[in-house]
Amino acid sequence: MVKRFLSALMVLGCSLGLVTPALVRAQSNQGFTFTWGNDSSGRQELQYHLDYGTPGFMGDRYWLRLGQQKVAINRINITYPDYFNGIIDPKGIEVRVGGSNGNRFFEFRRELGKKIELAQVSLDRDNRVIDIVPAEVIPAGTPVQVVLNNVYNPKDGGMYFFNARIGSPGDIPLMRYVGTWILSIANR
């Protein structure tokens, strides 16, 4: 009886070992963020999704949601930290509009929206800035997400703060802070 129980326990343990990597990979979305005290910086956390989120993975895709803005957008500016030693492919940057308005948590990527034409995409690796200029102004109230394709993830896991700013058409070309994506790349 004990031998049967141990045999069944070993088979169950081995089968869980085979299923666990798939479960871990499915948890590459942002989790819960706890904030202690009053966040006087005014930081707004934005939603994101990583296709893999594995350290050193070549060909990852980051889905960075800006959401609906109250103003029209004619420029998107993303800064990332100096300790992010991954590689972002400027040719793999795209902007999508429309689709889901962000109310459905589990359907983040299903409603991708429409890919729009970009007038200019520049990546300044020295200053860690991605600058995106759409060919046409994105109207206010339109759901927007930036997609970074072909990203080579950092070799070490960690949390990386990507900050988003947008520019609006008008006389004064000032960039307005929208929020921060707190990307988590887990060590596995």
Protein backbone atom coordinates (compact mmCIF):
# COMPACT_ATOMS: atom_id res chain seq x y z
CA MET A 1 0.00 0.00 0.00
CA VAL A 2 2.82 2.40 0.89
CA LYS A 3 4.68 1.57 -2.33
CA ARG A 4 1.58 2.35 -4.41
CA PHE A 5 1.10 5.63 -2.58
CA LEU A 6 4.74 6.64 -3.09
CA SER A 7 4.57 5.63 -6.77
CA ALA A 8 1.42 7.71 -7.28
CA LEU A 9 3.01 10.63 -5.43
CA MET A 10 6.11 10.46 -7.65
CA VAL A 11 4.01 10.37 -10.85
CA LEU A 12 1.98 13.35 -9.62
CA GLY A 13 5.15 15.26 -8.73
CA CYS A 14 6.69 14.61 -12.15
CA SER A 15 3.52 15.67 -13.96
CA LEU A 16 3.39 18.91 -11.95
CA GLY A 17 7.03 19.52 -12.87
CA LEU A 18 6.08 19.35 -16.55
CA VAL A 19 3.09 21.69 -16.17
CA THR A 20 4.81 24.30 -13.98
CA PRO A 21 6.88 26.02 -16.76
CA ALA A 22 3.70 26.68 -18.75
CA LEU A 23 2.03 28.13 -15.69
CA VAL A 24 5.03 30.32 -14.89
CA ARG A 25 5.21 31.67 -18.44
CA ALA A 26 1.51 32.57 -18.30
CA GLN A 27 2.22 34.85 -15.32
CA SER A 28 4.32 37.33 -17.27
CA ASN A 29 1.69 40.05 -16.85
CA GLN A 30 1.98 42.71 -14.24
CA GLY A 31 0.90 41.55 -10.83
CA PHE A 32 -0.33 43.49 -7.86
CA THR A 33 1.59 46.58 -6.82
CA PHE A 34 1.53 47.63 -3.21
CA THR A 35 2.27 51.23 -2.25
CA TRP A 36 3.02 52.20 1.33
CA GLY A 37 2.31 55.74 2.41
CA ASN A 38 1.33 58.60 0.18
CA ASP A 39 2.87 58.60 -3.30
CA SER A 40 3.55 62.31 -3.60
CA SER A 41 5.33 61.86 -6.94
CA GLY A 42 1.97 61.57 -8.71
CA ARG A 43 3.09 58.44 -10.55
CA GLN A 44 0.33 56.74 -12.52
CA GLU A 45 0.90 53.02 -13.14
CA LEU A 46 0.06 51.90 -16.67
CA GLN A 47 -0.91 48.41 -17.82
CA TYR A 48 1.40 46.22 -19.89
CA HIS A 49 1.93 42.66 -21.05
CA LEU A 50 5.10 40.79 -21.96
CA ASP A 51 4.80 37.79 -24.26
CA TYR A 52 7.55 35.92 -22.38
CA GLY A 53 9.26 38.08 -19.76
CA THR A 54 12.22 35.70 -19.47
CA PRO A 55 15.72 37.10 -18.83
CA GLY A 56 17.94 36.96 -21.90
CA PHE A 57 15.05 35.93 -24.18
CA MET A 58 15.52 37.10 -27.78
CA GLY A 59 12.41 38.13 -29.69
CA ASP A 60 10.13 39.15 -26.81
CA ARG A 61 7.22 41.51 -27.38
CA TYR A 62 6.12 44.25 -24.98
CA TRP A 63 2.53 45.53 -25.14
CA LEU A 64 2.54 48.94 -23.41
CA ARG A 65 -0.94 50.38 -22.98
CA LEU A 66 -1.36 54.16 -22.81
CA GLY A 67 -5.12 53.90 -22.56
CA GLN A 68 -7.50 56.68 -23.53
CA GLN A 69 -6.13 60.19 -23.18
CA LYS A 70 -8.15 63.37 -22.73
CA VAL A 71 -6.05 65.19 -25.33
CA ALA A 72 -5.02 64.41 -28.91
CA ILE A 73 -1.58 62.83 -29.34
CA ASN A 74 1.00 63.86 -31.94
CA ARG A 75 4.11 62.44 -30.20
CA ILE A 76 4.86 59.61 -27.76
CA ASN A 77 8.04 59.65 -25.71
CA ILE A 78 9.18 56.65 -23.63
CA THR A 79 12.18 56.70 -21.30
CA TYR A 80 13.70 53.64 -19.68
CA PRO A 81 16.30 53.23 -16.92
CA ASP A 82 20.06 53.03 -17.42
CA TYR A 83 20.19 49.59 -15.77
CA PHE A 84 17.92 48.13 -18.48
CA ASN A 85 20.58 46.26 -20.48
CA GLY A 86 18.16 44.74 -22.97
CA ILE A 87 18.10 45.69 -26.64
CA ILE A 88 15.09 47.36 -28.27
CA ASP A 89 14.75 47.09 -32.05
CA PRO A 90 13.61 50.48 -33.46
CA LYS A 91 12.26 48.72 -36.57
CA GLY A 92 9.96 46.63 -34.35
CA ILE A 93 8.15 49.59 -32.76
CA GLU A 94 4.49 50.09 -33.65
CA VAL A 95 1.48 51.96 -32.32
CA ARG A 96 -2.03 50.53 -32.28
CA VAL A 97 -5.26 52.45 -31.74
CA GLY A 98 -8.78 51.31 -31.00
CA GLY A 99 -9.61 47.86 -29.74
CA SER A 100 -10.31 47.26 -26.07
CA ASN A 101 -10.65 50.18 -23.69
CA GLY A 102 -8.79 48.29 -20.98
CA ASN A 103 -11.77 47.11 -18.92
CA ARG A 104 -11.18 43.42 -19.62
CA PHE A 105 -8.14 42.16 -17.72
CA PHE A 106 -7.75 38.75 -19.35
CA GLU A 107 -8.39 39.94 -22.91
CA PHE A 108 -5.48 42.37 -23.04
CA ARG A 109 -4.02 41.32 -26.39
CA ARG A 110 -7.11 39.89 -28.08
CA GLU A 111 -8.40 43.26 -29.16
CA LEU A 112 -5.20 44.56 -30.67
CA GLY A 113 -6.62 47.57 -32.41
CA LYS A 114 -5.47 48.95 -35.73
CA LYS A 115 -1.79 49.48 -36.48
CA ILE A 116 -1.22 53.09 -37.53
CA GLU A 117 1.41 54.56 -39.82
CA LEU A 118 4.32 56.28 -38.10
CA ALA A 119 6.10 59.36 -39.50
CA GLN A 120 9.20 58.89 -37.36
CA VAL A 121 10.60 56.45 -34.80
CA SER A 122 13.89 57.19 -33.10
CA LEU A 123 15.74 55.31 -30.39
CA ASP A 124 18.47 57.15 -28.49
CA ARG A 125 20.33 54.37 -26.65
CA ASP A 126 22.70 56.81 -24.92
CA ASN A 127 19.89 58.78 -23.28
CA ARG A 128 17.51 55.78 -23.16
CA VAL A 129 14.66 57.51 -25.01
CA ILE A 130 12.20 56.16 -27.58
CA ASP A 131 10.51 58.93 -29.57
CA ILE A 132 7.50 58.08 -31.76
CA VAL A 133 5.71 60.49 -34.10
CA PRO A 134 2.49 59.19 -35.71
CA ALA A 135 1.80 60.17 -39.33
CA GLU A 136 -1.57 61.59 -38.22
CA VAL A 137 -2.72 62.99 -34.90
CA ILE A 138 -4.41 60.40 -32.67
CA PRO A 139 -7.76 61.85 -31.53
CA ALA A 140 -8.55 62.29 -27.84
CA GLY A 141 -10.42 59.40 -26.22
CA THR A 142 -8.89 56.76 -28.51
CA PRO A 143 -7.37 53.69 -26.79
CA VAL A 144 -3.63 53.60 -27.62
CA GLN A 145 -0.93 51.01 -27.04
CA VAL A 146 2.71 50.91 -28.05
CA VAL A 147 4.09 47.53 -29.14
CA LEU A 148 7.83 46.83 -28.93
CA ASN A 149 8.62 43.81 -31.11
CA ASN A 150 11.92 41.88 -31.24
CA VAL A 151 13.12 42.97 -27.80
CA TYR A 152 16.17 41.22 -26.36
CA ASN A 153 15.37 41.04 -22.64
CA PRO A 154 17.94 42.02 -19.99
CA LYS A 155 20.18 39.18 -18.84
CA ASP A 156 19.09 39.60 -15.21
CA GLY A 157 15.56 39.72 -13.93
CA GLY A 158 14.26 42.79 -12.18
CA MET A 159 11.82 45.67 -12.25
CA TYR A 160 12.22 48.34 -14.90
CA PHE A 161 10.38 51.67 -14.87
CA PHE A 162 9.41 52.81 -18.38
CA ASN A 163 7.95 56.34 -18.28
CA ALA A 164 5.47 57.62 -20.88
CA ARG A 165 4.98 61.20 -22.03
CA ILE A 166 2.79 62.48 -24.85
CA GLY A 167 2.79 65.62 -26.93
CA SER A 168 -0.38 67.35 -28.09
CA PRO A 169 -0.88 69.57 -31.12
CA GLY A 170 -0.81 73.24 -30.29
CA ASP A 171 1.35 76.31 -30.00
CA ILE A 172 3.54 75.09 -27.11
CA PRO A 173 5.22 71.73 -27.80
CA LEU A 174 5.43 70.48 -24.21
CA MET A 175 5.47 66.81 -23.31
CA ARG A 176 2.93 65.74 -20.68
CA TYR A 177 3.61 62.85 -18.27
CA VAL A 178 1.02 60.07 -18.69
CA GLY A 179 2.30 57.30 -16.43
CA THR A 180 4.82 54.54 -15.78
CA TRP A 181 4.94 50.92 -16.81
CA ILE A 182 6.63 48.91 -14.05
CA LEU A 183 7.94 46.00 -16.11
CA SER A 184 8.80 42.87 -14.18
CA ILE A 185 11.17 40.40 -15.80
CA ALA A 186 11.29 37.38 -13.54
CA ASN A 187 14.35 35.25 -12.91
CA ARG A 188 13.35 31.67 -13.61
